Amino acid sequence: MNHYGVIAQRHWERYAPSPVAGLPDPTAFFTELGLEVQAQVDALMATLAGVDSSQETFLEKVARLQTARRTAEEIVMAELMWIKDPELPLDRAREEWEQTRPSDENLISWAERIQDHPDSMPSTAELEDMARIWALSVNFLLELAGSEPPREYMQANQAALSEAATIRFLRELHQP
């Protein structure tokens, strides 16, 4: 069993002992879960890390790869292992979250306000904070603010918005 399987088993034994007790072969289950987490972390890390740049130094590359791995681990482990209420199925938790989450319409309203009052463009730090909260890139937000009309940009980038929503859901699910 890899370290992801061990971590999952300890977590589930502590927070969901009855489902663990009902497993016919807990070792096999957590071994398989650990392998699944590892495969998904590796795949997501490759996507998040992107391609090497001839412009980046060795240390920048190491930092980029480590950040991608930590982010991938957080997302995948939250989805597969850290369910706050292990009795609540993930799809049901997502359904409940979707009903209460901030609407993407808020981003459209924000972009329209920026276009109406260009002098109200947030600072770089504020944009970075907003990007972190919405799980989108600063570049996405800048392009949204500069697009005419912003709604069309949002529609053209539904995949990015869906992925960002999933990241926000998993982050919230992971919070104690």
N, C-alpha and C. Protein backbone atom coordinates (compact mmCIF):
# COMPACT_ATOMS: atom_id res chain seq x y z
N MET A 1 0.86 -1.17 0.00
CA MET A 1 0.00 0.00 0.00
C MET A 1 0.90 1.24 0.00
N ASN A 2 0.62 2.18 -0.94
CA ASN A 2 1.44 3.40 -0.99
C ASN A 2 1.01 4.38 0.10
N HIS A 3 1.74 5.51 0.19
CA HIS A 3 1.45 6.44 1.29
C HIS A 3 0.06 7.06 1.19
N TYR A 4 -0.49 7.21 0.00
CA TYR A 4 -1.85 7.74 -0.13
C TYR A 4 -2.86 6.75 0.47
N GLY A 5 -2.65 5.48 0.22
CA GLY A 5 -3.53 4.46 0.79
C GLY A 5 -3.47 4.44 2.31
N VAL A 6 -2.26 4.58 2.85
CA VAL A 6 -2.09 4.59 4.31
C VAL A 6 -2.79 5.81 4.92
N ILE A 7 -2.60 6.97 4.30
CA ILE A 7 -3.23 8.19 4.79
C ILE A 7 -4.75 8.05 4.75
N ALA A 8 -5.27 7.53 3.64
CA ALA A 8 -6.72 7.35 3.50
C ALA A 8 -7.25 6.38 4.56
N GLN A 9 -6.55 5.28 4.76
CA GLN A 9 -7.02 4.29 5.73
C GLN A 9 -7.08 4.90 7.13
N ARG A 10 -6.04 5.61 7.52
CA ARG A 10 -6.04 6.24 8.85
C ARG A 10 -7.19 7.24 8.99
N HIS A 11 -7.38 8.03 7.95
CA HIS A 11 -8.44 9.04 7.98
C HIS A 11 -9.82 8.38 8.09
N TRP A 12 -10.07 7.40 7.25
CA TRP A 12 -11.37 6.75 7.25
C TRP A 12 -11.60 5.97 8.55
N GLU A 13 -10.57 5.34 9.08
CA GLU A 13 -10.74 4.60 10.34
C GLU A 13 -11.12 5.55 11.46
N ARG A 14 -10.61 6.77 11.40
CA ARG A 14 -10.91 7.74 12.45
C ARG A 14 -12.28 8.37 12.26
N TYR A 15 -12.60 8.78 11.00
CA TYR A 15 -13.81 9.55 10.77
C TYR A 15 -14.99 8.74 10.21
N ALA A 16 -14.74 7.54 9.75
CA ALA A 16 -15.82 6.72 9.19
C ALA A 16 -15.60 5.26 9.55
N PRO A 17 -15.55 4.95 10.84
CA PRO A 17 -15.22 3.57 11.23
C PRO A 17 -16.24 2.53 10.77
N SER A 18 -17.51 2.88 10.73
CA SER A 18 -18.50 1.86 10.34
C SER A 18 -18.37 1.44 8.87
N PRO A 19 -18.18 2.37 7.91
CA PRO A 19 -17.97 1.91 6.53
C PRO A 19 -16.69 1.08 6.39
N VAL A 20 -15.63 1.44 7.12
CA VAL A 20 -14.39 0.68 7.05
C VAL A 20 -14.60 -0.72 7.61
N ALA A 21 -15.33 -0.81 8.72
CA ALA A 21 -15.60 -2.12 9.32
C ALA A 21 -16.40 -3.02 8.38
N GLY A 22 -17.19 -2.41 7.49
CA GLY A 22 -18.00 -3.19 6.56
C GLY A 22 -17.26 -3.64 5.31
N LEU A 23 -16.03 -3.20 5.15
CA LEU A 23 -15.26 -3.61 3.97
C LEU A 23 -14.81 -5.07 4.11
N PRO A 24 -15.00 -5.89 3.08
CA PRO A 24 -14.56 -7.29 3.16
C PRO A 24 -13.04 -7.41 3.27
N ASP A 25 -12.30 -6.52 2.59
CA ASP A 25 -10.84 -6.56 2.63
C ASP A 25 -10.31 -5.12 2.64
N PRO A 26 -10.23 -4.52 3.83
CA PRO A 26 -9.80 -3.12 3.91
C PRO A 26 -8.42 -2.88 3.29
N THR A 27 -7.50 -3.81 3.45
CA THR A 27 -6.16 -3.63 2.88
C THR A 27 -6.23 -3.52 1.37
N ALA A 28 -6.99 -4.39 0.74
CA ALA A 28 -7.12 -4.35 -0.72
C ALA A 28 -7.81 -3.05 -1.15
N PHE A 29 -8.85 -2.65 -0.41
CA PHE A 29 -9.58 -1.42 -0.74
C PHE A 29 -8.65 -0.21 -0.70
N PHE A 30 -7.89 -0.06 0.39
CA PHE A 30 -7.04 1.12 0.53
C PHE A 30 -5.79 1.04 -0.35
N THR A 31 -5.36 -0.16 -0.68
CA THR A 31 -4.27 -0.31 -1.65
C THR A 31 -4.74 0.21 -3.00
N GLU A 32 -5.92 -0.22 -3.40
CA GLU A 32 -6.50 0.22 -4.69
C GLU A 32 -6.76 1.72 -4.68
N LEU A 33 -7.31 2.24 -3.59
CA LEU A 33 -7.57 3.68 -3.47
C LEU A 33 -6.26 4.47 -3.58
N GLY A 34 -5.22 3.98 -2.91
CA GLY A 34 -3.92 4.65 -2.97
C GLY A 34 -3.36 4.69 -4.38
N LEU A 35 -3.51 3.60 -5.12
CA LEU A 35 -3.03 3.56 -6.51
C LEU A 35 -3.85 4.51 -7.40
N GLU A 36 -5.15 4.56 -7.14
CA GLU A 36 -6.00 5.46 -7.91
C GLU A 36 -5.63 6.92 -7.64
N VAL A 37 -5.42 7.24 -6.37
CA VAL A 37 -5.01 8.61 -6.01
C VAL A 37 -3.68 8.93 -6.69
N GLN A 38 -2.71 8.02 -6.63
CA GLN A 38 -1.40 8.25 -7.24
C GLN A 38 -1.53 8.53 -8.74
N ALA A 39 -2.32 7.72 -9.44
CA ALA A 39 -2.50 7.90 -10.89
C ALA A 39 -3.15 9.25 -11.19
N GLN A 40 -4.17 9.62 -10.42
CA GLN A 40 -4.84 10.89 -10.67
C GLN A 40 -3.96 12.08 -10.31
N VAL A 41 -3.19 11.96 -9.24
CA VAL A 41 -2.26 13.04 -8.87
C VAL A 41 -1.24 13.24 -9.99
N ASP A 42 -0.67 12.14 -10.48
CA ASP A 42 0.33 12.24 -11.55
C ASP A 42 -0.25 12.89 -12.80
N ALA A 43 -1.46 12.49 -13.18
CA ALA A 43 -2.09 13.04 -14.38
C ALA A 43 -2.41 14.52 -14.20
N LEU A 44 -3.00 14.88 -13.06
CA LEU A 44 -3.36 16.27 -12.82
C LEU A 44 -2.11 17.13 -12.67
N MET A 45 -1.09 16.60 -12.03
CA MET A 45 0.15 17.35 -11.87
C MET A 45 0.73 17.71 -13.23
N ALA A 46 0.74 16.76 -14.16
CA ALA A 46 1.28 17.02 -15.50
C ALA A 46 0.50 18.14 -16.18
N THR A 47 -0.80 18.15 -16.00
CA THR A 47 -1.63 19.21 -16.59
C THR A 47 -1.35 20.55 -15.94
N LEU A 48 -1.31 20.56 -14.61
CA LEU A 48 -1.10 21.82 -13.88
C LEU A 48 0.30 22.38 -14.11
N ALA A 49 1.29 21.52 -14.21
CA ALA A 49 2.68 21.97 -14.36
C ALA A 49 2.92 22.60 -15.72
N GLY A 50 2.22 22.11 -16.73
CA GLY A 50 2.43 22.65 -18.07
C GLY A 50 3.76 22.18 -18.64
N VAL A 51 4.20 22.87 -19.65
CA VAL A 51 5.44 22.48 -20.34
C VAL A 51 6.62 23.27 -19.80
N ASP A 52 7.79 22.69 -19.95
CA ASP A 52 9.02 23.37 -19.53
C ASP A 52 9.25 24.58 -20.42
N SER A 53 9.82 25.58 -19.82
CA SER A 53 10.16 26.79 -20.57
C SER A 53 11.67 26.94 -20.60
N SER A 54 12.20 27.28 -21.75
CA SER A 54 13.65 27.49 -21.84
C SER A 54 14.07 28.73 -21.05
N GLN A 55 13.11 29.55 -20.70
CA GLN A 55 13.38 30.78 -19.95
C GLN A 55 13.52 30.55 -18.45
N GLU A 56 12.97 29.43 -17.92
CA GLU A 56 12.97 29.22 -16.47
C GLU A 56 14.28 28.57 -16.01
N THR A 57 14.66 28.93 -14.79
CA THR A 57 15.85 28.34 -14.20
C THR A 57 15.49 26.98 -13.60
N PHE A 58 16.51 26.25 -13.18
CA PHE A 58 16.28 24.95 -12.55
C PHE A 58 15.41 25.09 -11.32
N LEU A 59 15.72 26.08 -10.48
CA LEU A 59 14.94 26.27 -9.26
C LEU A 59 13.50 26.68 -9.56
N GLU A 60 13.29 27.48 -10.58
CA GLU A 60 11.93 27.84 -10.97
C GLU A 60 11.15 26.61 -11.44
N LYS A 61 11.84 25.73 -12.16
CA LYS A 61 11.18 24.50 -12.63
C LYS A 61 10.81 23.62 -11.44
N VAL A 62 11.75 23.46 -10.50
CA VAL A 62 11.46 22.65 -9.31
C VAL A 62 10.27 23.23 -8.55
N ALA A 63 10.24 24.55 -8.38
CA ALA A 63 9.14 25.19 -7.67
C ALA A 63 7.83 24.99 -8.41
N ARG A 64 7.85 25.11 -9.74
CA ARG A 64 6.64 24.92 -10.54
C ARG A 64 6.12 23.49 -10.40
N LEU A 65 7.03 22.52 -10.46
CA LEU A 65 6.62 21.12 -10.35
C LEU A 65 6.12 20.78 -8.94
N GLN A 66 6.78 21.31 -7.92
CA GLN A 66 6.33 21.05 -6.55
C GLN A 66 4.97 21.68 -6.28
N THR A 67 4.76 22.88 -6.79
CA THR A 67 3.47 23.53 -6.62
C THR A 67 2.38 22.74 -7.33
N ALA A 68 2.68 22.27 -8.53
CA ALA A 68 1.71 21.47 -9.28
C ALA A 68 1.39 20.18 -8.54
N ARG A 69 2.41 19.53 -7.95
CA ARG A 69 2.17 18.28 -7.22
C ARG A 69 1.30 18.54 -5.99
N ARG A 70 1.64 19.57 -5.22
CA ARG A 70 0.85 19.87 -4.00
C ARG A 70 -0.60 20.21 -4.35
N THR A 71 -0.78 20.99 -5.38
CA THR A 71 -2.13 21.34 -5.79
C THR A 71 -2.89 20.10 -6.26
N ALA A 72 -2.24 19.28 -7.06
CA ALA A 72 -2.88 18.05 -7.54
C ALA A 72 -3.23 17.13 -6.38
N GLU A 73 -2.32 16.99 -5.43
CA GLU A 73 -2.59 16.15 -4.26
C GLU A 73 -3.79 16.68 -3.48
N GLU A 74 -3.83 18.00 -3.27
CA GLU A 74 -4.93 18.59 -2.52
C GLU A 74 -6.26 18.31 -3.20
N ILE A 75 -6.31 18.49 -4.50
CA ILE A 75 -7.56 18.30 -5.24
C ILE A 75 -7.97 16.83 -5.24
N VAL A 76 -7.06 15.95 -5.60
CA VAL A 76 -7.41 14.54 -5.72
C VAL A 76 -7.71 13.93 -4.36
N MET A 77 -6.90 14.23 -3.37
CA MET A 77 -7.14 13.66 -2.05
C MET A 77 -8.45 14.17 -1.47
N ALA A 78 -8.78 15.42 -1.72
CA ALA A 78 -10.05 15.95 -1.23
C ALA A 78 -11.21 15.20 -1.86
N GLU A 79 -11.08 14.93 -3.13
CA GLU A 79 -12.17 14.26 -3.85
C GLU A 79 -12.33 12.81 -3.40
N LEU A 80 -11.22 12.13 -3.18
CA LEU A 80 -11.29 10.69 -2.92
C LEU A 80 -11.17 10.29 -1.46
N MET A 81 -10.61 11.16 -0.61
CA MET A 81 -10.29 10.71 0.73
C MET A 81 -10.81 11.57 1.86
N TRP A 82 -10.97 12.86 1.67
CA TRP A 82 -11.20 13.75 2.82
C TRP A 82 -12.64 14.17 3.00
N ILE A 83 -13.56 13.41 2.60
CA ILE A 83 -14.95 13.80 2.73
C ILE A 83 -15.26 14.07 4.20
N LYS A 84 -15.77 15.28 4.50
CA LYS A 84 -16.09 15.65 5.87
C LYS A 84 -17.07 14.66 6.48
N ASP A 85 -18.11 14.38 5.75
CA ASP A 85 -19.12 13.44 6.22
C ASP A 85 -19.04 12.22 5.29
N PRO A 86 -18.24 11.22 5.64
CA PRO A 86 -18.07 10.09 4.74
C PRO A 86 -19.37 9.35 4.44
N GLU A 87 -20.39 9.59 5.24
CA GLU A 87 -21.68 8.94 4.98
C GLU A 87 -22.41 9.63 3.82
N LEU A 88 -22.07 10.90 3.53
CA LEU A 88 -22.72 11.65 2.46
C LEU A 88 -21.99 11.38 1.15
N PRO A 89 -22.68 10.84 0.15
CA PRO A 89 -22.03 10.58 -1.13
C PRO A 89 -21.51 11.87 -1.76
N LEU A 90 -20.41 11.76 -2.48
CA LEU A 90 -19.76 12.93 -3.07
C LEU A 90 -20.71 13.66 -4.01
N ASP A 91 -21.48 12.94 -4.81
CA ASP A 91 -22.38 13.61 -5.74
C ASP A 91 -23.47 14.40 -5.01
N ARG A 92 -23.92 13.90 -3.88
CA ARG A 92 -24.93 14.62 -3.08
C ARG A 92 -24.31 15.86 -2.44
N ALA A 93 -23.09 15.73 -1.95
CA ALA A 93 -22.39 16.89 -1.37
C ALA A 93 -22.20 17.96 -2.44
N ARG A 94 -21.86 17.54 -3.66
CA ARG A 94 -21.67 18.50 -4.76
C ARG A 94 -22.99 19.18 -5.10
N GLU A 95 -24.06 18.43 -5.12
CA GLU A 95 -25.39 18.98 -5.38
C GLU A 95 -25.73 20.07 -4.38
N GLU A 96 -25.51 19.79 -3.10
CA GLU A 96 -25.79 20.76 -2.05
C GLU A 96 -24.91 22.00 -2.20
N TRP A 97 -23.65 21.79 -2.54
CA TRP A 97 -22.72 22.91 -2.71
C TRP A 97 -23.16 23.79 -3.88
N GLU A 98 -23.57 23.18 -4.98
CA GLU A 98 -23.98 23.93 -6.17
C GLU A 98 -25.14 24.86 -5.87
N GLN A 99 -26.00 24.46 -4.94
CA GLN A 99 -27.18 25.28 -4.62
C GLN A 99 -26.82 26.52 -3.82
N THR A 100 -25.67 26.52 -3.16
CA THR A 100 -25.32 27.65 -2.29
C THR A 100 -24.07 28.41 -2.73
N ARG A 101 -23.38 27.94 -3.74
CA ARG A 101 -22.13 28.59 -4.14
C ARG A 101 -22.39 29.93 -4.83
N PRO A 102 -21.38 30.83 -4.80
CA PRO A 102 -21.53 32.09 -5.52
C PRO A 102 -21.69 31.82 -7.02
N SER A 103 -22.56 32.54 -7.64
CA SER A 103 -22.85 32.35 -9.06
C SER A 103 -21.73 32.93 -9.93
N ASP A 104 -21.53 32.30 -11.08
CA ASP A 104 -20.57 32.83 -12.05
C ASP A 104 -21.04 34.18 -12.59
N GLU A 105 -22.32 34.47 -12.43
CA GLU A 105 -22.86 35.77 -12.83
C GLU A 105 -22.14 36.90 -12.08
N ASN A 106 -21.64 36.62 -10.89
CA ASN A 106 -20.90 37.62 -10.13
C ASN A 106 -19.65 38.06 -10.89
N LEU A 107 -19.02 37.13 -11.57
CA LEU A 107 -17.83 37.47 -12.36
C LEU A 107 -18.21 38.35 -13.56
N ILE A 108 -19.34 38.05 -14.18
CA ILE A 108 -19.79 38.86 -15.31
C ILE A 108 -20.08 40.28 -14.83
N SER A 109 -20.77 40.41 -13.70
CA SER A 109 -21.07 41.74 -13.15
C SER A 109 -19.79 42.49 -12.82
N TRP A 110 -18.81 41.77 -12.25
CA TRP A 110 -17.52 42.39 -11.93
C TRP A 110 -16.86 42.93 -13.20
N ALA A 111 -16.82 42.11 -14.26
CA ALA A 111 -16.18 42.53 -15.52
C ALA A 111 -16.92 43.72 -16.13
N GLU A 112 -18.23 43.70 -16.07
CA GLU A 112 -19.00 44.83 -16.62
C GLU A 112 -18.73 46.12 -15.84
N ARG A 113 -18.59 46.01 -14.51
CA ARG A 113 -18.26 47.20 -13.70
C ARG A 113 -16.88 47.74 -14.08
N ILE A 114 -15.93 46.84 -14.31
CA ILE A 114 -14.58 47.26 -14.71
C ILE A 114 -14.65 47.98 -16.05
N GLN A 115 -15.45 47.45 -16.98
CA GLN A 115 -15.55 48.07 -18.29
C GLN A 115 -16.23 49.45 -18.21
N ASP A 116 -17.22 49.57 -17.33
CA ASP A 116 -17.91 50.85 -17.16
C ASP A 116 -17.03 51.89 -16.46
N HIS A 117 -16.14 51.42 -15.58
CA HIS A 117 -15.26 52.30 -14.80
C HIS A 117 -13.84 51.72 -14.81
N PRO A 118 -13.10 51.92 -15.92
CA PRO A 118 -11.76 51.32 -16.03
C PRO A 118 -10.80 51.72 -14.91
N ASP A 119 -11.04 52.85 -14.29
CA ASP A 119 -10.16 53.28 -13.20
C ASP A 119 -10.39 52.46 -11.93
N SER A 120 -11.41 51.60 -11.93
CA SER A 120 -11.68 50.78 -10.74
C SER A 120 -11.04 49.39 -10.84
N MET A 121 -10.13 49.22 -11.80
CA MET A 121 -9.44 47.93 -11.95
C MET A 121 -8.68 47.62 -10.67
N PRO A 122 -8.87 46.41 -10.11
CA PRO A 122 -8.19 46.07 -8.86
C PRO A 122 -6.67 46.00 -9.04
N SER A 123 -5.98 46.11 -7.92
CA SER A 123 -4.52 46.01 -7.94
C SER A 123 -4.13 44.57 -8.27
N THR A 124 -2.85 44.36 -8.54
CA THR A 124 -2.36 43.01 -8.82
C THR A 124 -2.62 42.08 -7.66
N ALA A 125 -2.39 42.56 -6.44
CA ALA A 125 -2.62 41.71 -5.26
C ALA A 125 -4.09 41.34 -5.14
N GLU A 126 -4.98 42.31 -5.41
CA GLU A 126 -6.41 42.03 -5.35
C GLU A 126 -6.83 41.04 -6.44
N LEU A 127 -6.24 41.19 -7.63
CA LEU A 127 -6.54 40.25 -8.72
C LEU A 127 -6.04 38.84 -8.37
N GLU A 128 -4.86 38.75 -7.78
CA GLU A 128 -4.33 37.44 -7.39
C GLU A 128 -5.21 36.80 -6.32
N ASP A 129 -5.69 37.60 -5.39
CA ASP A 129 -6.58 37.09 -4.35
C ASP A 129 -7.90 36.61 -4.96
N MET A 130 -8.43 37.39 -5.86
CA MET A 130 -9.68 37.02 -6.53
C MET A 130 -9.48 35.74 -7.35
N ALA A 131 -8.35 35.65 -8.03
CA ALA A 131 -8.05 34.44 -8.82
C ALA A 131 -7.97 33.22 -7.92
N ARG A 132 -7.35 33.37 -6.75
CA ARG A 132 -7.25 32.25 -5.81
C ARG A 132 -8.63 31.84 -5.32
N ILE A 133 -9.44 32.81 -4.94
CA ILE A 133 -10.78 32.52 -4.43
C ILE A 133 -11.62 31.81 -5.49
N TRP A 134 -11.60 32.30 -6.71
CA TRP A 134 -12.42 31.72 -7.78
C TRP A 134 -11.74 30.53 -8.46
N ALA A 135 -10.49 30.22 -8.10
CA ALA A 135 -9.73 29.11 -8.71
C ALA A 135 -9.58 29.32 -10.21
N LEU A 136 -9.32 30.56 -10.59
CA LEU A 136 -9.08 30.91 -11.98
C LEU A 136 -7.73 31.63 -12.05
N SER A 137 -7.18 31.75 -13.22
CA SER A 137 -5.91 32.46 -13.34
C SER A 137 -6.16 33.97 -13.41
N VAL A 138 -5.14 34.73 -13.05
CA VAL A 138 -5.22 36.19 -13.17
C VAL A 138 -5.45 36.55 -14.63
N ASN A 139 -4.78 35.81 -15.52
CA ASN A 139 -4.94 36.06 -16.95
C ASN A 139 -6.40 35.88 -17.38
N PHE A 140 -7.07 34.85 -16.85
CA PHE A 140 -8.48 34.64 -17.17
C PHE A 140 -9.30 35.86 -16.76
N LEU A 141 -9.06 36.36 -15.55
CA LEU A 141 -9.81 37.52 -15.06
C LEU A 141 -9.54 38.76 -15.90
N LEU A 142 -8.27 38.97 -16.29
CA LEU A 142 -7.93 40.12 -17.12
C LEU A 142 -8.60 40.02 -18.49
N GLU A 143 -8.58 38.82 -19.07
CA GLU A 143 -9.24 38.63 -20.37
C GLU A 143 -10.74 38.81 -20.25
N LEU A 144 -11.33 38.34 -19.16
CA LEU A 144 -12.76 38.53 -18.93
C LEU A 144 -13.09 40.01 -18.85
N ALA A 145 -12.30 40.75 -18.08
CA ALA A 145 -12.54 42.18 -17.92
C ALA A 145 -12.37 42.95 -19.24
N GLY A 146 -11.53 42.43 -20.13
CA GLY A 146 -11.28 43.11 -21.39
C GLY A 146 -12.14 42.63 -22.54
N SER A 147 -12.96 41.62 -22.33
CA SER A 147 -13.76 41.06 -23.42
C SER A 147 -15.07 41.82 -23.57
N GLU A 148 -15.54 41.89 -24.79
CA GLU A 148 -16.82 42.55 -25.09
C GLU A 148 -17.73 41.54 -25.76
N PRO A 149 -18.83 41.16 -25.24
CA PRO A 149 -19.27 41.29 -23.86
C PRO A 149 -18.70 40.16 -23.00
N PRO A 150 -18.57 40.38 -21.72
CA PRO A 150 -17.99 39.37 -20.83
C PRO A 150 -18.76 38.04 -20.82
N ARG A 151 -20.06 38.11 -21.00
CA ARG A 151 -20.88 36.89 -20.98
C ARG A 151 -20.44 35.90 -22.07
N GLU A 152 -20.09 36.44 -23.24
CA GLU A 152 -19.64 35.56 -24.34
C GLU A 152 -18.31 34.91 -23.99
N TYR A 153 -17.43 35.66 -23.34
CA TYR A 153 -16.15 35.08 -22.91
C TYR A 153 -16.39 33.94 -21.93
N MET A 154 -17.31 34.16 -21.00
CA MET A 154 -17.64 33.12 -20.02
C MET A 154 -18.21 31.89 -20.72
N GLN A 155 -19.09 32.09 -21.68
CA GLN A 155 -19.68 30.96 -22.40
C GLN A 155 -18.63 30.21 -23.20
N ALA A 156 -17.68 30.93 -23.77
CA ALA A 156 -16.63 30.30 -24.57
C ALA A 156 -15.64 29.53 -23.68
N ASN A 157 -15.62 29.84 -22.40
CA ASN A 157 -14.67 29.22 -21.47
C ASN A 157 -15.37 28.41 -20.39
N GLN A 158 -16.46 27.76 -20.74
CA GLN A 158 -17.23 26.96 -19.78
C GLN A 158 -16.39 25.85 -19.16
N ALA A 159 -15.49 25.25 -19.93
CA ALA A 159 -14.66 24.17 -19.38
C ALA A 159 -13.79 24.68 -18.23
N ALA A 160 -13.20 25.85 -18.41
CA ALA A 160 -12.37 26.43 -17.35
C ALA A 160 -13.21 26.77 -16.13
N LEU A 161 -14.42 27.28 -16.36
CA LEU A 161 -15.30 27.62 -15.25
C LEU A 161 -15.75 26.38 -14.49
N SER A 162 -16.04 25.31 -15.22
CA SER A 162 -16.44 24.05 -14.57
C SER A 162 -15.31 23.47 -13.74
N GLU A 163 -14.10 23.51 -14.28
CA GLU A 163 -12.94 23.01 -13.54
C GLU A 163 -12.69 23.86 -12.29
N ALA A 164 -12.84 25.17 -12.43
CA ALA A 164 -12.66 26.07 -11.28
C ALA A 164 -13.70 25.79 -10.21
N ALA A 165 -14.94 25.53 -10.63
CA ALA A 165 -16.00 25.21 -9.67
C ALA A 165 -15.68 23.91 -8.93
N THR A 166 -15.15 22.94 -9.65
CA THR A 166 -14.78 21.67 -9.02
C THR A 166 -13.67 21.88 -8.00
N ILE A 167 -12.69 22.70 -8.34
CA ILE A 167 -11.60 22.99 -7.41
C ILE A 167 -12.13 23.68 -6.17
N ARG A 168 -13.03 24.66 -6.34
CA ARG A 168 -13.60 25.36 -5.19
C ARG A 168 -14.42 24.40 -4.32
N PHE A 169 -15.18 23.53 -4.95
CA PHE A 169 -15.97 22.54 -4.21
C PHE A 169 -15.05 21.64 -3.40
N LEU A 170 -14.01 21.13 -4.02
CA LEU A 170 -13.11 20.22 -3.33
C LEU A 170 -12.35 20.93 -2.22
N ARG A 171 -12.00 22.18 -2.44
CA ARG A 171 -11.35 22.96 -1.38
C ARG A 171 -12.27 23.06 -0.16
N GLU A 172 -13.52 23.41 -0.43
CA GLU A 172 -14.48 23.58 0.66
C GLU A 172 -14.75 22.25 1.35
N LEU A 173 -14.80 21.20 0.60
CA LEU A 173 -15.03 19.87 1.14
C LEU A 173 -13.88 19.46 2.06
N HIS A 174 -12.69 19.92 1.68
CA HIS A 174 -11.47 19.55 2.41
C HIS A 174 -11.30 20.35 3.70
N GLN A 175 -11.93 21.53 3.79
CA GLN A 175 -11.76 22.36 4.98
C GLN A 175 -12.41 21.70 6.19
N PRO A 176 -11.71 21.76 7.34
CA PRO A 176 -12.29 21.16 8.55
C PRO A 176 -13.49 21.94 9.06
